[in-house]
Protein backbone atom coordinates (compact mmCIF):
# COMPACT_ATOMS: atom_id res chain seq x y z
CA MET A 1 -77.20 -68.19 89.88
CA THR A 2 -79.31 -67.04 92.81
CA ALA A 3 -83.07 -67.34 93.13
CA ILE A 4 -83.44 -63.58 92.78
CA ASN A 5 -81.43 -63.52 89.53
CA THR A 6 -83.38 -66.42 88.10
CA ALA A 7 -86.73 -64.91 89.07
CA THR A 8 -85.72 -61.51 87.70
CA TYR A 9 -84.87 -63.10 84.35
CA GLY A 10 -88.18 -64.99 84.47
CA ALA A 11 -90.13 -61.79 85.19
CA ILE A 12 -88.45 -59.98 82.30
CA THR A 13 -89.18 -62.91 79.99
CA ALA A 14 -92.82 -63.03 81.11
CA SER A 15 -93.15 -59.29 80.58
CA ASN A 16 -91.79 -59.64 77.05
CA ARG A 17 -94.19 -62.54 76.39
CA PHE A 18 -97.09 -60.40 77.57
CA ASN A 19 -96.07 -57.49 75.36
CA GLN A 20 -95.74 -59.77 72.33
CA ALA A 21 -99.14 -61.33 73.01
CA ALA A 22 -100.73 -57.90 73.40
CA ALA A 23 -99.26 -56.78 70.09
CA GLN A 24 -100.52 -59.97 68.46
CA THR A 25 -103.98 -59.31 69.90
CA VAL A 26 -104.03 -55.90 68.24
CA ARG A 27 -102.94 -57.39 64.92
CA ASP A 28 -105.52 -60.18 65.16
CA ALA A 29 -108.30 -57.80 66.18
CA SER A 30 -107.71 -55.79 63.02
CA SER A 31 -107.95 -58.86 60.79
CA ASP A 32 -110.76 -61.34 60.28
CA SER A 33 -108.59 -64.42 60.61
CA GLY A 34 -107.06 -63.70 64.03
CA ASP A 35 -107.41 -66.01 67.03
CA LEU A 36 -108.17 -63.63 69.90
CA VAL A 37 -108.81 -66.43 72.39
CA SER A 38 -105.28 -67.80 72.01
CA ASP A 39 -103.89 -64.29 72.35
CA PHE A 40 -105.78 -63.68 75.59
CA VAL A 41 -104.73 -67.07 76.96
CA GLU A 42 -101.08 -66.23 76.20
CA GLN A 43 -101.48 -62.89 77.97
CA LYS A 44 -102.98 -64.61 81.01
CA GLU A 45 -100.19 -67.21 81.11
CA ALA A 46 -97.54 -64.50 80.82
CA ARG A 47 -99.16 -62.51 83.61
CA LEU A 48 -99.30 -65.55 85.90
CA ALA A 49 -95.65 -66.35 85.14
CA PHE A 50 -94.72 -62.76 85.95
CA GLU A 51 -96.61 -62.90 89.25
CA ALA A 52 -94.98 -66.23 90.16
CA ASN A 53 -91.51 -64.82 89.53
CA ILE A 54 -92.29 -61.73 91.61
CA SER A 55 -93.40 -64.03 94.45
CA VAL A 56 -90.06 -65.85 94.25
CA ILE A 57 -88.21 -62.52 94.44
CA LYS A 58 -90.24 -61.45 97.49
CA THR A 59 -89.68 -64.78 99.23
CA ALA A 60 -85.95 -64.81 98.50
CA ASP A 61 -85.68 -61.24 99.76
CA ALA A 62 -87.53 -62.12 102.97
CA MET A 63 -85.32 -65.17 103.52
CA THR A 64 -82.18 -63.10 103.00
CA GLY A 65 -83.45 -60.55 105.49
CA ARG A 66 -84.14 -63.23 108.07
CA LEU A 67 -80.69 -64.75 107.59
CA LEU A 68 -79.06 -61.37 108.05
CA ASN A 69 -81.08 -60.83 111.23
CA LEU A 70 -79.88 -64.18 112.56
CA LYS A 71 -76.26 -63.24 111.93
CA ALA A 72 -76.65 -59.86 113.68
C-alpha cells in the first residue's frame, strides 16, 4: 500500500470521526448530561488527524513529481 493510499484512508477515517463527534455534540447539547468538552476534544483530534493525512498526501505527491522529473 502506498503512502497516498494510506493517507487517503486516514483522511476519510478522520473525516468520519469528526462527523460522528459533531453529531454527538448536537445530541449532548440538547441533553443535560452530555459532555461537550470531550466532544470538542474529539473534533479537534479528528481535525488534526485529517490535516496530518493531507500533509502526507501533499508530501508524497511532491516526492513523486520530483522522481518523475529526475527520470525525464
